[in-house]
Amino acid sequence: MIAAMLAHIPLHRYFPDALWQGDLTRREIALTFDDGPNERETPALLALLDVYGVKATFFQIGRRAASAPQLVRQVAHAGHQIGLHGYAHHSFLLKGEAALLQELAQTQRVLADASGRDPGLFNAVRPPFGHFSPAVLETLNAAGYLPTMWTLVPFHWLQSAAATVRQVIDGVGNGTILVMHEGLAGPAVTDLTLAVLPHLIAEGYRFVTIHEMWAKVQQKDP
C-alpha cells in the first residue's frame, strides 16, 4: 500500500491541495473508516460510536453501498458523514479524467438514493489504496471535490490488536486524520475502535468529521 511506503514523508507539504491533517492547535481527531459498508462491521461500529457519542466519517465504496443501501441509510441517519472511496475500489491512477468524474458522480447518486440526501453532500473523496497524483488532485479540486488523505494509518490488517492499539495511541496528535478499514483481515475494526476510544477521550480529544476539519482549514485560507 502506498500509504505504508510514504508513511514518514511529510506529504502535506508537497500536496497541500489535499487534506492530510487538521488544525494542530486544536485537540481534535477525525476518525474515518474506509471500504464499507460492511454487513458485519458497519452496524457494530454504529452501535459503538453511539455509546461514546462520537461522530465519524465513513468513506464508502459505491458498489458495496448499492448492494446494502440500508447500511448507508443507517450511517447517514446516525449523523455520521459519508465520503467517496471510488465505485469499485480501483486505483484512480488507472482512470482518465472523464472516467474518474463519471465514477464519482455514480457513487454520489448511489449514496444519495440510499440516504435521501443531496448528492452534493457526498463530496469528500479518499482515493482507493491512497493512490493519487498531482493530476488526480487537480481533477478533484476543479470538480469541487475535497480530496482527503490521512495522518495515521495503523496496519491493523497485518498485525495484532495490541500492536495496532499501541500504534494509534503513540501516533495520534492534534489534527490527526485516523484511518481504519472495514472488512479486512485481522482483528475486527469494532474491537480495535473500542480499545482506543476510551483512551483518546480520556486524553481530551474531540472527534470531528472530515467536513468539519475541511471547513476550519478553508477558513484559514487567504
Protein backbone atom coordinates (compact mmCIF):
# COMPACT_ATOMS: atom_id res chain seq x y z
CA MET A 1 0.00 0.00 0.00
CA ILE A 2 1.33 3.42 -0.92
CA ALA A 3 0.28 4.78 2.48
CA ALA A 4 2.68 2.39 4.15
CA MET A 5 5.58 3.26 1.86
CA LEU A 6 5.10 7.01 2.31
CA ALA A 7 4.22 6.99 6.00
CA HIS A 8 7.22 9.04 7.08
CA ILE A 9 7.26 11.60 4.24
CA PRO A 10 5.55 14.94 5.04
CA LEU A 11 3.23 14.71 2.06
CA HIS A 12 1.09 17.63 3.21
CA ARG A 13 3.98 19.92 2.34
CA TYR A 14 4.21 18.65 -1.23
CA PHE A 15 0.50 18.22 -1.90
CA PRO A 16 -1.26 21.00 0.03
CA ASP A 17 -4.42 20.80 -2.10
CA ALA A 18 -5.41 17.63 -0.23
CA LEU A 19 -6.33 17.37 3.43
CA TRP A 20 -3.74 15.46 5.44
CA GLN A 21 -4.37 16.80 8.91
CA GLY A 22 -6.50 19.29 10.78
CA ASP A 23 -5.63 22.25 12.96
CA LEU A 24 -2.53 21.44 15.00
CA THR A 25 -3.64 23.85 17.71
CA ARG A 26 -6.91 22.00 18.35
CA ARG A 27 -7.21 18.77 20.29
CA GLU A 28 -9.33 17.21 17.58
CA ILE A 29 -9.23 13.94 15.67
CA ALA A 30 -11.11 12.87 12.56
CA LEU A 31 -11.96 9.17 12.92
CA THR A 32 -12.52 7.67 9.47
CA PHE A 33 -13.45 4.23 8.17
CA ASP A 34 -12.75 3.05 4.62
CA ASP A 35 -14.08 0.19 2.47
CA GLY A 36 -17.66 -0.06 3.75
CA PRO A 37 -20.45 -0.53 4.05
CA ASN A 38 -19.95 -3.95 5.56
CA GLU A 39 -22.81 -6.15 6.76
CA ARG A 40 -20.89 -7.37 9.80
CA GLU A 41 -18.89 -4.36 10.90
CA THR A 42 -20.91 -1.27 9.98
CA PRO A 43 -23.83 -1.93 12.39
CA ALA A 44 -21.42 -2.80 15.20
CA LEU A 45 -19.41 0.36 14.60
CA LEU A 46 -22.54 2.50 14.61
CA ALA A 47 -23.65 0.99 17.92
CA LEU A 48 -20.23 1.59 19.47
CA LEU A 49 -19.92 5.17 18.24
CA ASP A 50 -23.40 5.90 19.57
CA VAL A 51 -22.40 4.69 23.04
CA TYR A 52 -19.49 7.13 23.12
CA GLY A 53 -21.26 9.96 21.32
CA VAL A 54 -18.59 10.04 18.62
CA LYS A 55 -19.19 11.18 15.04
CA ALA A 56 -17.03 9.67 12.31
CA THR A 57 -16.63 9.78 8.54
CA PHE A 58 -17.26 6.64 6.50
CA PHE A 59 -15.59 6.56 3.08
CA GLN A 60 -17.79 4.09 1.24
CA ILE A 61 -17.34 2.10 -1.96
CA GLY A 62 -20.16 2.73 -4.42
CA ARG A 63 -20.68 -0.88 -5.45
CA ARG A 64 -20.93 -2.03 -1.83
CA ALA A 65 -23.26 0.84 -0.99
CA ALA A 66 -25.51 -0.11 -3.91
CA SER A 67 -25.80 -3.66 -2.57
CA ALA A 68 -26.51 -2.55 1.02
CA PRO A 69 -28.46 0.74 0.86
CA GLN A 70 -29.94 0.10 4.31
CA LEU A 71 -26.46 0.40 5.81
CA VAL A 72 -25.84 3.68 4.01
CA ARG A 73 -29.12 4.93 5.39
CA GLN A 74 -28.19 3.85 8.92
CA VAL A 75 -24.85 5.65 8.77
CA ALA A 76 -26.44 8.84 7.47
CA HIS A 77 -29.33 8.79 9.94
CA ALA A 78 -26.91 8.30 12.82
CA GLY A 79 -25.38 11.67 11.93
CA HIS A 80 -22.08 10.49 10.51
CA GLN A 81 -20.51 11.89 7.37
CA ILE A 82 -20.23 9.69 4.29
CA GLY A 83 -17.45 10.21 1.78
CA LEU A 84 -16.48 8.62 -1.55
CA HIS A 85 -13.95 5.79 -1.85
CA GLY A 86 -14.48 5.04 -5.52
CA TYR A 87 -17.18 2.88 -7.06
CA ALA A 88 -15.29 -0.42 -7.33
CA HIS A 89 -12.15 0.33 -5.27
CA HIS A 90 -9.92 0.65 -8.33
CA SER A 91 -6.90 2.92 -8.40
CA PHE A 92 -7.64 6.44 -9.61
CA LEU A 93 -4.28 6.36 -11.39
CA LEU A 94 -5.75 3.92 -13.90
CA LYS A 95 -8.56 6.25 -14.95
CA GLY A 96 -8.75 9.24 -17.24
CA GLU A 97 -10.33 12.45 -16.02
CA ALA A 98 -13.74 11.82 -17.59
CA ALA A 99 -13.94 8.24 -16.31
CA LEU A 100 -12.93 9.29 -12.81
CA LEU A 101 -15.52 12.05 -12.61
CA GLN A 102 -18.20 9.73 -14.00
CA GLU A 103 -17.36 7.12 -11.34
CA LEU A 104 -17.53 9.66 -8.52
CA ALA A 105 -20.85 11.02 -9.78
CA GLN A 106 -22.21 7.47 -9.95
CA THR A 107 -21.15 6.84 -6.36
CA GLN A 108 -22.75 10.11 -5.26
CA ARG A 109 -26.04 9.04 -6.84
CA VAL A 110 -25.95 5.68 -5.08
CA LEU A 111 -25.35 7.31 -1.71
CA ALA A 112 -27.99 9.97 -2.33
CA ASP A 113 -30.62 7.41 -3.36
CA ALA A 114 -29.90 5.29 -0.29
CA SER A 115 -29.84 8.14 2.21
CA GLY A 116 -32.39 10.53 0.73
CA ARG A 117 -29.82 13.33 0.78
CA ASP A 118 -28.48 15.70 -1.85
CA PRO A 119 -25.68 14.12 -3.95
CA GLY A 120 -23.56 17.23 -3.45
CA LEU A 121 -23.20 16.45 0.25
CA PHE A 122 -21.02 13.49 -0.66
CA ASN A 123 -18.03 15.47 -1.83
CA ALA A 124 -15.12 14.28 0.33
CA VAL A 125 -13.02 11.77 -1.63
CA ARG A 126 -10.37 9.38 -0.41
CA PRO A 127 -8.58 7.63 -3.30
CA PRO A 128 -8.55 3.82 -3.02
CA PHE A 129 -5.20 2.43 -1.86
CA GLY A 130 -4.10 6.01 -1.20
CA HIS A 131 -3.16 6.25 -4.90
CA PHE A 132 -3.03 9.80 -6.19
CA SER A 133 -1.04 12.10 -8.43
CA PRO A 134 -0.92 15.86 -8.93
CA ALA A 135 -3.23 15.42 -11.92
CA VAL A 136 -5.75 13.45 -9.85
CA LEU A 137 -5.76 16.11 -7.14
CA GLU A 138 -6.19 18.84 -9.76
CA THR A 139 -9.15 17.00 -11.27
CA LEU A 140 -10.82 16.52 -7.88
CA ASN A 141 -10.34 20.12 -6.81
CA ALA A 142 -11.51 21.54 -10.14
CA ALA A 143 -14.72 19.48 -9.90
CA GLY A 144 -15.45 20.71 -6.38
CA TYR A 145 -14.45 17.56 -4.52
CA LEU A 146 -12.49 17.54 -1.27
CA PRO A 147 -9.51 15.18 -1.65
CA THR A 148 -8.92 13.71 1.79
CA MET A 149 -5.88 11.69 2.75
CA TRP A 150 -4.60 10.67 6.17
CA THR A 151 -2.27 11.38 9.04
CA LEU A 152 -2.18 7.91 10.57
CA VAL A 153 -3.00 4.52 9.04
CA PRO A 154 -2.40 1.71 11.55
CA PHE A 155 -1.64 -1.54 9.76
CA HIS A 156 -4.38 -3.42 11.58
CA TRP A 157 -4.85 -5.99 8.81
CA LEU A 158 -1.21 -7.10 9.19
CA GLN A 159 -0.61 -7.10 12.93
CA SER A 160 -2.04 -7.93 16.33
CA ALA A 161 -4.70 -5.88 18.06
CA ALA A 162 -2.18 -4.87 20.74
CA ALA A 163 0.25 -3.57 18.12
CA THR A 164 -2.47 -1.55 16.42
CA VAL A 165 -3.72 -0.05 19.68
CA ARG A 166 -0.17 0.98 20.57
CA GLN A 167 0.41 2.43 17.10
CA VAL A 168 -2.71 4.58 17.42
CA ILE A 169 -2.05 5.74 20.97
CA ASP A 170 1.57 6.61 20.17
CA GLY A 171 0.77 8.18 16.80
CA VAL A 172 -2.21 10.46 17.32
CA GLY A 173 -1.96 14.16 17.99
CA ASN A 174 -3.83 17.38 17.40
CA GLY A 175 -5.47 17.33 13.99
CA THR A 176 -4.87 13.67 13.26
CA ILE A 177 -6.90 12.02 10.50
CA LEU A 178 -7.05 8.39 11.61
CA VAL A 179 -7.90 5.72 9.03
CA MET A 180 -9.34 2.31 9.85
CA HIS A 181 -10.84 -0.22 7.44
CA GLU A 182 -14.00 -2.28 7.48
CA GLY A 183 -13.92 -5.91 6.44
CA LEU A 184 -10.17 -6.51 6.23
CA ALA A 185 -8.30 -9.46 7.69
CA GLY A 186 -7.02 -9.27 11.23
CA PRO A 187 -8.76 -8.09 14.38
CA ALA A 188 -12.28 -6.72 13.94
CA VAL A 189 -12.21 -2.96 13.45
CA THR A 190 -15.01 -2.56 16.00
CA ASP A 191 -12.88 -4.24 18.67
CA LEU A 192 -9.93 -2.01 17.78
CA THR A 193 -12.08 1.10 17.92
CA LEU A 194 -13.43 0.04 21.30
CA ALA A 195 -9.87 -0.40 22.55
CA VAL A 196 -8.68 3.08 21.53
CA LEU A 197 -11.74 5.30 22.02
CA PRO A 198 -11.72 5.43 25.85
CA HIS A 199 -8.04 6.30 25.87
CA LEU A 200 -8.39 9.07 23.29
CA ILE A 201 -11.42 10.51 25.06
CA ALA A 202 -9.56 10.43 28.37
CA GLU A 203 -6.72 12.32 26.70
CA GLY A 204 -9.16 15.11 25.91
CA TYR A 205 -9.55 14.61 22.17
CA ARG A 206 -12.74 15.76 20.46
CA PHE A 207 -13.91 13.85 17.39
CA VAL A 208 -14.89 15.82 14.29
CA THR A 209 -15.99 14.87 10.80
CA ILE A 210 -13.92 15.49 7.70
CA HIS A 211 -16.34 18.23 6.66
CA GLU A 212 -15.71 19.99 9.97
CA MET A 213 -11.97 19.64 9.55
CA TRP A 214 -12.06 20.90 5.96
CA ALA A 215 -14.19 23.90 6.98
CA LYS A 216 -11.63 25.01 9.55
CA VAL A 217 -8.78 24.63 7.10
CA GLN A 218 -10.64 26.61 4.43
CA GLN A 219 -11.37 29.40 6.90
CA LYS A 220 -7.62 29.89 7.29
CA ASP A 221 -7.04 30.23 3.55
CA PRO A 222 -6.43 33.83 2.43
